[in-house]
Structure formats: structure tokens, C-alpha cells
Protein backbone atom coordinates (compact mmCIF):
# COMPACT_ATOMS: atom_id res chain seq x y z
CA MET A 1 -185.45 -31.92 111.87
CA LEU A 2 -182.12 -31.56 110.12
CA SER A 3 -181.33 -34.96 108.71
CA HIS A 4 -178.01 -33.90 107.22
CA ILE A 5 -175.15 -34.34 109.63
CA TRP A 6 -172.23 -33.00 107.57
CA TRP A 7 -172.16 -29.83 109.66
CA SER A 8 -171.70 -31.51 113.05
CA LEU A 9 -167.91 -31.92 112.75
CA PRO A 10 -167.07 -28.35 111.65
CA LEU A 11 -169.55 -26.97 114.18
CA THR A 12 -167.92 -28.93 117.00
CA LEU A 13 -164.42 -27.81 116.01
CA ILE A 14 -165.44 -24.16 115.67
CA VAL A 15 -167.21 -24.13 119.03
CA PHE A 16 -164.34 -25.91 120.81
CA TYR A 17 -161.59 -23.67 119.43
CA ALA A 18 -163.67 -20.57 120.21
CA ALA A 19 -164.17 -21.89 123.76
CA ARG A 20 -160.45 -22.56 124.08
CA LYS A 21 -159.58 -19.03 123.02
CA LEU A 22 -162.08 -17.74 125.54
CA SER A 23 -160.47 -19.86 128.26
CA LEU A 24 -156.96 -18.65 127.38
CA ARG A 25 -158.13 -15.04 127.24
CA PHE A 26 -159.80 -14.86 130.65
CA LYS A 27 -158.05 -17.75 132.49
CA ILE A 28 -161.10 -18.52 134.63
CA PRO A 29 -161.42 -22.22 135.62
CA ILE A 30 -165.18 -22.27 135.04
CA LEU A 31 -164.55 -21.41 131.38
CA ASN A 32 -163.27 -24.91 130.70
CA PRO A 33 -163.35 -25.44 126.90
CA LEU A 34 -165.19 -28.75 127.15
CA LEU A 35 -167.81 -27.35 129.51
CA VAL A 36 -168.35 -24.27 127.36
CA SER A 37 -168.63 -26.44 124.24
CA ILE A 38 -171.27 -28.62 125.89
CA VAL A 39 -173.24 -25.58 127.04
CA VAL A 40 -173.22 -24.19 123.48
CA LEU A 41 -173.77 -27.39 121.47
CA ILE A 42 -176.66 -28.89 123.45
CA PRO A 43 -179.01 -25.89 122.89
CA ILE A 44 -178.09 -25.90 119.18
CA LEU A 45 -179.10 -29.57 118.89
CA LEU A 46 -182.32 -28.91 120.79
CA ILE A 47 -183.23 -25.83 118.74
CA THR A 48 -182.59 -27.61 115.44
CA ASN A 49 -184.36 -30.76 116.70
CA THR A 50 -181.30 -32.83 115.76
CA PRO A 51 -181.09 -36.29 117.35
CA TYR A 52 -177.84 -37.00 119.14
CA GLU A 53 -177.32 -40.08 116.96
CA HIS A 54 -177.21 -37.86 113.84
CA TYR A 55 -174.82 -35.42 115.48
CA PHE A 56 -172.55 -38.22 116.69
CA ALA A 57 -172.47 -39.90 113.29
CA GLY A 58 -171.21 -36.70 111.68
CA SER A 59 -168.45 -36.11 114.22
CA ARG A 60 -167.53 -39.73 114.93
CA ILE A 61 -163.93 -39.13 113.91
CA LEU A 62 -163.43 -37.09 117.08
CA ASN A 63 -164.56 -40.04 119.17
CA ASP A 64 -162.22 -42.34 117.24
CA LEU A 65 -159.32 -40.02 118.04
CA LEU A 66 -159.97 -40.28 121.77
CA GLN A 67 -157.91 -43.42 122.32
CA PRO A 68 -154.83 -42.18 120.40
CA ALA A 69 -155.10 -38.92 122.35
CA VAL A 70 -154.98 -40.81 125.63
CA VAL A 71 -151.90 -42.71 124.43
CA ALA A 72 -150.25 -39.40 123.50
CA LEU A 73 -150.47 -38.38 127.15
CA ALA A 74 -147.68 -40.90 127.80
CA PHE A 75 -145.08 -38.52 126.30
CA PRO A 76 -144.70 -36.32 129.42
CA LEU A 77 -144.59 -39.55 131.42
CA TYR A 78 -141.55 -40.67 129.41
CA GLU A 79 -139.86 -37.33 130.11
CA GLN A 80 -140.12 -37.94 133.89
CA LEU A 81 -139.33 -41.65 133.77
CA HIS A 82 -136.14 -41.35 135.83
CA GLN A 83 -138.04 -39.86 138.78
CA ILE A 84 -140.94 -42.27 138.49
CA ARG A 85 -138.66 -45.32 138.66
CA ALA A 86 -137.45 -44.22 142.09
CA GLN A 87 -141.01 -43.76 143.37
CA TRP A 88 -142.90 -46.59 141.72
CA LYS A 89 -143.93 -48.35 144.95
CA SER A 90 -145.51 -45.20 146.37
CA ILE A 91 -147.14 -44.40 143.03
CA ILE A 92 -148.71 -47.84 142.67
CA SER A 93 -149.98 -47.70 146.26
CA VAL A 94 -151.54 -44.27 145.77
CA CYS A 95 -153.21 -45.27 142.50
CA PHE A 96 -154.52 -48.54 143.93
CA ILE A 97 -156.04 -46.89 147.00
CA GLY A 98 -157.42 -44.02 144.92
CA SER A 99 -159.02 -46.38 142.39
CA ILE A 100 -160.68 -48.51 145.06
CA VAL A 101 -161.99 -45.45 146.92
CA ALA A 102 -163.34 -43.91 143.71
CA MET A 103 -165.20 -47.10 142.79
CA VAL A 104 -166.53 -47.90 146.24
CA THR A 105 -167.71 -44.43 147.26
CA GLY A 106 -169.63 -43.60 144.09
CA THR A 107 -171.24 -47.00 143.80
CA ALA A 108 -172.05 -47.28 147.51
CA ILE A 109 -173.72 -43.86 147.57
CA ALA A 110 -175.74 -44.71 144.45
CA LEU A 111 -176.96 -48.02 145.91
CA TRP A 112 -177.66 -46.40 149.29
CA MET A 113 -179.85 -43.81 147.55
CA GLY A 114 -181.84 -46.53 145.80
CA ALA A 115 -180.17 -46.74 142.39
CA THR A 116 -180.73 -49.88 140.36
CA PRO A 117 -177.79 -52.29 139.96
CA GLU A 118 -177.58 -51.29 136.30
CA MET A 119 -177.27 -47.60 137.21
CA ALA A 120 -174.79 -48.32 139.99
CA ALA A 121 -172.64 -50.34 137.59
CA SER A 122 -172.67 -47.38 135.21
CA ILE A 123 -171.43 -45.04 137.94
CA LEU A 124 -168.68 -47.32 139.27
CA PRO A 125 -165.98 -46.56 136.61
CA LYS A 126 -166.59 -42.78 136.68
CA SER A 127 -162.97 -41.89 137.50
CA VAL A 128 -161.21 -43.56 134.56
CA THR A 129 -160.96 -42.40 130.98
CA THR A 130 -164.00 -42.84 128.73
CA PRO A 131 -163.01 -45.89 126.62
CA ILE A 132 -162.04 -47.88 129.72
CA ALA A 133 -165.10 -46.72 131.67
CA MET A 134 -167.47 -47.79 128.89
CA ALA A 135 -165.81 -51.20 128.59
CA VAL A 136 -165.89 -51.76 132.37
CA ALA A 137 -169.53 -50.69 132.61
CA ASP A 138 -170.52 -53.04 129.80
CA ALA A 139 -168.65 -55.92 131.45
CA ILE A 140 -170.40 -55.54 134.83
CA GLY A 141 -173.90 -54.89 133.50
CA GLY A 142 -173.93 -51.10 133.33
CA ILE A 143 -174.90 -48.69 130.57
CA PRO A 144 -171.80 -47.43 128.70
CA ALA A 145 -173.46 -44.18 127.60
CA ILE A 146 -174.28 -43.24 131.20
CA SER A 147 -170.73 -44.12 132.23
CA ALA A 148 -169.39 -41.81 129.55
CA ALA A 149 -171.58 -38.98 130.85
CA CYS A 150 -170.38 -39.60 134.42
CA VAL A 151 -166.75 -39.60 133.27
CA ILE A 152 -167.18 -36.26 131.51
CA PHE A 153 -168.94 -34.76 134.55
CA VAL A 154 -166.24 -35.91 136.96
CA GLY A 155 -163.48 -34.79 134.61
CA ILE A 156 -164.95 -31.31 134.23
CA LEU A 157 -165.29 -30.96 138.01
CA GLY A 158 -161.64 -31.90 138.46
CA ALA A 159 -160.41 -29.63 135.69
CA ILE A 160 -162.35 -26.66 137.05
CA PHE A 161 -161.97 -27.04 140.80
CA GLY A 162 -159.00 -29.40 141.24
CA HIS A 163 -156.18 -26.87 141.49
CA SER A 164 -158.23 -24.51 143.63
CA LEU A 165 -158.80 -27.39 146.05
CA PHE A 166 -155.08 -28.23 146.06
CA ASP A 167 -154.28 -24.62 146.92
CA LEU A 168 -156.91 -24.59 149.66
CA LEU A 169 -155.48 -27.77 151.19
CA GLN A 170 -151.93 -26.49 150.65
CA VAL A 171 -150.93 -29.45 148.49
CA LYS A 172 -147.85 -28.04 146.80
CA THR A 173 -145.88 -31.07 145.60
CA LYS A 174 -146.25 -31.38 141.85
CA ALA A 175 -146.16 -35.18 141.96
CA SER A 176 -148.94 -35.29 144.57
CA ARG A 177 -151.12 -32.86 142.63
CA GLY A 178 -150.62 -34.77 139.40
CA LEU A 179 -151.32 -38.19 140.91
CA ALA A 180 -154.46 -36.94 142.65
CA MET A 181 -155.81 -35.30 139.51
CA GLY A 182 -155.10 -38.27 137.26
CA THR A 183 -156.66 -40.68 139.74
CA ALA A 184 -159.85 -38.68 140.23
CA SER A 185 -160.35 -36.82 136.96
CA HIS A 186 -158.64 -38.96 134.27
CA ALA A 187 -157.88 -37.39 130.88
CA LEU A 188 -159.56 -34.03 131.44
CA GLY A 189 -157.74 -33.54 134.72
CA THR A 190 -154.50 -34.63 133.07
CA ALA A 191 -154.96 -32.13 130.26
CA ARG A 192 -155.46 -29.38 132.83
CA CYS A 193 -152.35 -30.48 134.76
CA THR A 194 -150.30 -30.43 131.56
CA GLU A 195 -151.39 -26.85 130.92
CA VAL A 196 -150.37 -25.82 134.44
CA ASN A 197 -147.08 -27.72 134.82
CA PHE A 198 -145.23 -30.32 132.75
CA VAL A 199 -144.27 -32.44 135.78
CA GLU A 200 -147.85 -32.45 137.08
CA GLY A 201 -148.98 -33.61 133.66
CA ALA A 202 -146.48 -36.49 133.67
CA TYR A 203 -147.61 -37.82 137.04
CA SER A 204 -151.25 -37.31 136.13
CA SER A 205 -150.71 -39.32 132.92
CA LEU A 206 -149.17 -42.11 134.97
CA ALA A 207 -152.11 -42.13 137.39
CA LEU A 208 -154.56 -42.07 134.48
CA MET A 209 -153.08 -45.21 132.93
CA THR A 210 -152.41 -47.05 136.19
CA CYS A 211 -155.89 -46.42 137.58
CA GLY A 212 -157.45 -47.52 134.31
CA ILE A 213 -155.66 -50.88 134.58
CA ILE A 214 -156.50 -51.29 138.26
CA THR A 215 -160.16 -50.45 137.69
CA SER A 216 -160.43 -52.86 134.77
CA LEU A 217 -158.98 -55.71 136.83
CA THR A 218 -160.80 -55.11 140.12
CA ALA A 219 -164.24 -53.79 139.11
CA PRO A 220 -165.71 -57.25 138.30
CA PHE A 221 -164.84 -58.37 141.83
CA ILE A 222 -165.74 -55.20 143.74
CA PHE A 223 -169.16 -54.64 142.18
CA PRO A 224 -170.74 -57.95 143.29
CA VAL A 225 -169.47 -57.36 146.83
CA LEU A 226 -171.06 -53.91 146.92
CA LEU A 227 -174.32 -55.31 145.56
CA TYR A 228 -174.31 -57.94 148.31
CA LEU A 229 -173.60 -55.40 151.05
CA PHE A 230 -176.28 -52.94 149.94
CA SER A 231 -178.95 -55.39 148.81
């Protein structure tokens, strides 16, 4: 086992930037940089018999930068502030309904399939950004690490298939596409929207932040109700 963890940060950066270049070169949704990085890094850790704790300790700075990165997504939101002010009632309604549906459906399906309350609580905040999801899961009795994994999985799905689904359903309005992506696929979906269109990225950023607040406030009330209904 490699006990030295100095190499985990440079390895992660090299793999991610190589994956990003690959994504830009071929422009195939499945070649999402985060997904490619995960596919490459996990086998390396397994082959070298490196515990995840050691790897994480060496690259912890990347995790610490996650929250400032989420805040930075507010810049495109500021650029579209004049349009958002005129639509704030519709935006709040969409984000509220989307947040409730995201929490209820995932948790209800998990409980219906026999998941434990702890596992169901971990799944509930799957559609908000990682720091918020981990805090919500911890508050309602879930496992933050599992919540983080669910968030990444949902975000990758949205980033890869989101725009293809919009095209299939003929959703063409940039505001609608951005709000849907930010509500369902949080920061990863927002990053993808920003790459595609600046306006989409702004609305996705707004949905990301709004849904995070709504989930934080409503999850402690929704989860006990779902437990009661499916117990």
C-alpha cells in the first residue's frame, strides 16, 4: 500500500485536465470530464491499494474549493439579473415544485424498494449541490458520504443526457433549459449549461441556489412524512 499521499493532488489535476481536453476534442456528452476522471482514478487507487482516506487527504484542497466554486456560479446570474427580476414569481414556483418532486420521488422509490430510513435520508437531497446535500443528509439522519455519491451520479447523468433530452422534448427556451438543469443536476448541470450557453448557465445557477435553500428548509419536514407513509 502506498502510504504517501503527496501524489494524489497532481494526479487528480493531470487526469482531469486530460479528460477535459478529450471532451473538448471529441465533443461527445459521454466523455464528461468528471466521469472520465472517476473511471481513470478509481482503478489507479485499486491497483495501488491506496485507501480513499489517503487519497482524499492529499487532494483535500480541491474539496475545500468546492464551496467558493459554487459561489462563483453566481456571476452569470448577475449578468441576467434584469430578466430574472421580471420573472421571479415563475422562477420560484418552478424551483419549489422541482425541489419537492426531486426529494419525494427519490426517497419514496427508495423506501418502496425496502431501503432503510438511513439510506433513504441519504438519497433525499440528491439534486442539490454536494455541500448542501451532505449537510441536509446529516441533519435528517442520513450518511453524508452516500449523499455525495448520489449527487455526483445525478449530476453526471444531467450533464451527459440533459441537453439531448431537451432536444428530444423540443424544449428550446434557454431559461427553461437552465432552470430544469439547475433544479435536477445542480453544479455539474450548471457547468454544462454554462459551456453551452451563457443565459442557460445564469438560469441554472439561479435554480441551483434556490433549490438548495428550498431543500434545506423543507427536507426536515418532508422526510418524516415520507417515513410515515411508507412505514
